[in-house]
């Protein structure tokens, strides 16, 4: 399936040098990235006899967060459109116990085809909106809504500060995104603005958003 030009341009650096980006991302931890809203995540069952808590990480990058959630006893699906990052993740141990799918926002088409009627209890989107043109944001949120169980939650981080022009980034913020999320049907659980960058960059604060698909 052909992909839009903006996605091909955004993926090119990751495909060309996945190791470079992986080393940068792994200078911090999943706990630090999600710390402001991690207590609001739907939790895995305490007893192994209970059904698993299904989590989708999209985009999954090099699998850092997917590995963390797998080890925390979630049933993890990782959607990542970069072939280079998927291959790098597989070669460095992030493939075991994680279902990897080549799929991208806004439609998550391949993911939806593979999972069928299955739904997730959690979706995590770490920095994913930074590579999506603003006109695709509502459709991306709709895709997240579509793959969530009722009362399922979506945790999203949004990179603030000046976009890096070499990486085809777009601006977004919590207010704009949550307004679109409400139109889709989400309830807003929590918004945390201007949280310090977990890598210590002074010009790169983050907004954190927790959404919930209501029970109907």
Protein backbone atom coordinates (compact mmCIF):
# COMPACT_ATOMS: atom_id res chain seq x y z
CA UNK A 1 0.00 0.00 0.00
CA UNK A 2 1.40 3.42 -0.96
CA UNK A 3 1.92 5.88 1.86
CA UNK A 4 1.53 9.66 1.88
CA UNK A 5 4.60 11.73 1.14
CA UNK A 6 4.71 13.28 4.61
CA UNK A 7 4.99 9.81 6.15
CA UNK A 8 7.72 8.67 3.78
CA UNK A 9 9.73 11.82 4.57
CA UNK A 10 9.23 11.39 8.32
CA UNK A 11 10.28 7.73 8.24
CA UNK A 12 13.39 8.22 6.11
CA UNK A 13 15.77 9.21 8.98
CA UNK A 14 14.59 6.30 11.13
CA UNK A 15 15.00 3.81 8.30
CA UNK A 16 18.46 5.17 7.48
CA UNK A 17 19.91 5.03 11.02
CA UNK A 18 17.65 3.29 13.55
CA UNK A 19 20.58 2.68 15.90
CA UNK A 20 21.17 6.42 16.29
CA UNK A 21 17.60 7.07 17.38
CA UNK A 22 17.43 4.01 19.60
CA UNK A 23 20.54 5.06 21.51
CA UNK A 24 19.02 8.50 22.04
CA UNK A 25 15.65 7.19 23.22
CA UNK A 26 17.27 4.71 25.61
CA UNK A 27 19.14 7.44 27.44
CA UNK A 28 15.92 7.71 29.43
CA UNK A 29 13.34 5.18 30.59
CA UNK A 30 9.70 4.43 29.96
CA UNK A 31 8.92 5.28 33.59
CA UNK A 32 10.37 8.76 33.18
CA UNK A 33 8.62 9.35 29.85
CA UNK A 34 5.19 8.43 31.21
CA UNK A 35 5.72 9.39 34.88
CA UNK A 36 3.15 12.24 35.04
CA UNK A 37 0.25 9.97 34.01
CA UNK A 38 1.57 6.45 34.57
CA UNK A 39 -0.61 5.96 37.70
CA UNK A 40 -3.69 6.48 35.48
CA UNK A 41 -2.90 3.54 33.18
CA UNK A 42 -5.26 0.57 33.11
CA UNK A 43 -3.33 -2.04 35.04
CA UNK A 44 -2.62 -5.71 34.21
CA UNK A 45 -4.51 -8.30 36.28
CA UNK A 46 -2.90 -9.37 39.53
CA UNK A 47 -3.88 -12.99 39.03
CA UNK A 48 -2.61 -14.98 36.02
CA UNK A 49 -6.02 -16.63 35.66
CA UNK A 50 -7.62 -13.30 34.74
CA UNK A 51 -7.76 -12.12 31.09
CA UNK A 52 -4.73 -10.05 30.03
CA UNK A 53 -4.75 -6.28 29.73
CA UNK A 54 -4.15 -5.59 26.04
CA UNK A 55 -1.96 -2.58 25.23
CA UNK A 56 -1.19 -1.01 21.86
CA UNK A 57 1.98 1.07 21.53
CA UNK A 58 1.79 3.19 18.37
CA UNK A 59 4.21 4.20 16.99
CA UNK A 60 6.48 1.80 18.86
CA UNK A 61 9.88 3.03 17.68
CA UNK A 62 12.65 0.66 18.76
CA UNK A 63 10.38 -1.14 21.23
CA UNK A 64 11.65 0.50 24.43
CA UNK A 65 8.17 1.13 25.83
CA UNK A 66 6.73 -2.08 24.37
CA UNK A 67 9.41 -4.06 26.23
CA UNK A 68 8.64 -2.26 29.47
CA UNK A 69 4.91 -2.97 29.23
CA UNK A 70 5.50 -6.58 28.22
CA UNK A 71 7.67 -7.03 31.30
CA UNK A 72 4.91 -5.40 33.37
CA UNK A 73 2.61 -8.23 32.22
CA UNK A 74 0.58 -6.43 29.58
CA UNK A 75 -0.27 -8.22 26.34
CA UNK A 76 1.51 -5.87 23.94
CA UNK A 77 0.96 -5.05 20.28
CA UNK A 78 3.48 -2.67 18.70
CA UNK A 79 2.51 -0.73 15.57
CA UNK A 80 5.54 0.81 13.85
CA UNK A 81 5.68 1.95 10.20
CA UNK A 82 9.49 2.23 10.00
CA UNK A 83 10.98 -0.94 8.59
CA UNK A 84 14.39 0.04 9.95
CA UNK A 85 13.11 0.44 13.50
CA UNK A 86 11.11 -2.80 13.38
CA UNK A 87 14.17 -4.71 12.18
CA UNK A 88 16.40 -3.05 14.77
CA UNK A 89 13.92 -3.91 17.54
CA UNK A 90 13.83 -7.54 16.43
CA UNK A 91 17.61 -7.78 16.31
CA UNK A 92 17.99 -6.28 19.79
CA UNK A 93 15.51 -8.35 21.72
CA UNK A 94 12.31 -6.31 21.50
CA UNK A 95 10.52 -8.87 19.37
CA UNK A 96 9.99 -11.65 21.89
CA UNK A 97 6.49 -11.73 23.34
CA UNK A 98 5.37 -8.62 21.41
CA UNK A 99 3.15 -8.64 18.32
CA UNK A 100 4.68 -6.25 15.77
CA UNK A 101 2.58 -4.78 12.95
CA UNK A 102 3.61 -2.46 10.11
CA UNK A 103 0.92 0.20 10.50
CA UNK A 104 0.67 3.98 10.78
CA UNK A 105 -1.67 6.79 11.74
CA UNK A 106 -4.07 8.21 10.80
CA UNK A 107 -5.87 5.05 9.70
CA UNK A 108 -3.96 2.21 11.43
CA UNK A 109 -5.39 0.22 8.53
CA UNK A 110 -3.11 -2.81 8.70
CA UNK A 111 -3.51 -3.01 12.46
CA UNK A 112 -7.31 -2.96 12.23
CA UNK A 113 -7.25 -5.65 9.57
CA UNK A 114 -5.06 -7.91 11.68
CA UNK A 115 -6.84 -7.55 15.02
CA UNK A 116 -10.37 -7.78 13.59
CA UNK A 117 -12.90 -7.35 16.38
CA UNK A 118 -10.27 -7.37 19.14
CA UNK A 119 -10.00 -4.20 21.23
CA UNK A 120 -7.36 -2.78 23.56
CA UNK A 121 -7.58 -1.63 27.16
CA UNK A 122 -4.69 0.85 26.73
CA UNK A 123 -3.15 2.74 23.82
CA UNK A 124 0.13 4.63 24.23
CA UNK A 125 1.23 7.27 21.72
CA UNK A 126 4.66 8.61 22.65
CA UNK A 127 5.46 11.67 20.52
CA UNK A 128 3.62 10.14 17.56
CA UNK A 129 1.60 13.22 16.71
CA UNK A 130 4.73 15.26 16.04
CA UNK A 131 5.07 13.69 12.57
CA UNK A 132 1.36 13.97 11.67
CA UNK A 133 0.04 17.00 9.78
CA UNK A 134 -2.65 18.79 11.82
CA UNK A 135 -5.35 17.86 9.32
CA UNK A 136 -4.78 14.17 10.18
CA UNK A 137 -5.08 14.53 13.96
CA UNK A 138 -8.82 13.99 14.27
CA UNK A 139 -8.72 10.90 12.05
CA UNK A 140 -5.83 9.56 14.14
CA UNK A 141 -7.81 10.09 17.33
CA UNK A 142 -10.77 8.36 15.72
CA UNK A 143 -8.58 5.34 14.98
CA UNK A 144 -7.48 5.23 18.61
CA UNK A 145 -11.11 5.44 19.73
CA UNK A 146 -12.06 2.66 17.33
CA UNK A 147 -9.55 0.15 18.70
CA UNK A 148 -10.26 0.82 22.40
CA UNK A 149 -12.61 -1.10 24.66
CA UNK A 150 -15.27 0.98 26.46
CA UNK A 151 -13.44 2.56 29.42
CA UNK A 152 -10.19 1.91 27.62
CA UNK A 153 -7.64 4.69 27.94
CA UNK A 154 -5.22 6.42 25.58
CA UNK A 155 -2.04 8.00 26.96
CA UNK A 156 -0.42 10.58 24.68
CA UNK A 157 2.73 12.68 24.95
CA UNK A 158 3.09 15.82 22.84
CA UNK A 159 6.44 17.42 22.12
CA UNK A 160 6.42 21.19 22.63
CA UNK A 161 9.03 23.73 21.60
CA UNK A 162 10.38 24.42 18.14
CA UNK A 163 9.99 21.55 15.66
CA UNK A 164 13.13 20.09 14.09
CA UNK A 165 12.79 21.00 10.37
CA UNK A 166 15.13 18.19 9.33
CA UNK A 167 12.68 15.64 10.76
CA UNK A 168 9.45 17.01 9.23
CA UNK A 169 7.75 17.85 12.52
CA UNK A 170 4.47 19.64 13.12
CA UNK A 171 3.22 21.68 16.04
CA UNK A 172 0.47 20.53 18.35
CA UNK A 173 -0.59 21.10 21.96
CA UNK A 174 -2.86 19.63 24.60
CA UNK A 175 -5.70 22.13 24.15
CA UNK A 176 -5.96 21.61 20.40
CA UNK A 177 -5.68 17.84 20.64
CA UNK A 178 -8.20 17.44 23.46
CA UNK A 179 -10.73 19.64 21.65
CA UNK A 180 -10.54 17.22 18.73
CA UNK A 181 -10.67 14.26 21.11
CA UNK A 182 -13.94 15.52 22.57
CA UNK A 183 -15.40 15.76 19.08
CA UNK A 184 -14.46 12.12 18.49
CA UNK A 185 -16.21 11.10 21.72
CA UNK A 186 -13.39 10.84 24.26
CA UNK A 187 -13.59 11.99 27.84
CA UNK A 188 -10.55 13.87 29.13
CA UNK A 189 -9.09 12.21 32.21
CA UNK A 190 -6.00 14.37 32.73
CA UNK A 191 -3.91 17.07 31.07
CA UNK A 192 -0.42 17.95 32.31
CA UNK A 193 1.35 20.78 30.50
CA UNK A 194 5.01 21.72 30.10
CA UNK A 195 6.52 18.75 31.89
CA UNK A 196 10.34 18.80 31.79
CA UNK A 197 11.97 16.77 29.05
CA UNK A 198 13.10 13.35 30.37
CA UNK A 199 16.34 13.75 28.40
CA UNK A 200 17.05 17.09 30.06
CA UNK A 201 16.64 19.32 26.99
CA UNK A 202 15.69 22.82 28.10
CA UNK A 203 13.87 23.74 24.88
CA UNK A 204 11.72 20.62 24.66
CA UNK A 205 8.97 20.40 27.32
CA UNK A 206 6.12 17.91 26.94
CA UNK A 207 2.37 17.90 27.35
CA UNK A 208 0.77 14.71 28.66
CA UNK A 209 -2.84 13.75 27.94
CA UNK A 210 -4.93 10.84 29.22
CA UNK A 211 -8.15 10.11 27.32
CA UNK A 212 -10.88 7.57 27.98
CA UNK A 213 -13.44 6.00 25.70
CA UNK A 214 -16.67 6.20 27.75
CA UNK A 215 -18.88 3.26 28.50
CA UNK A 216 -21.99 3.52 26.32
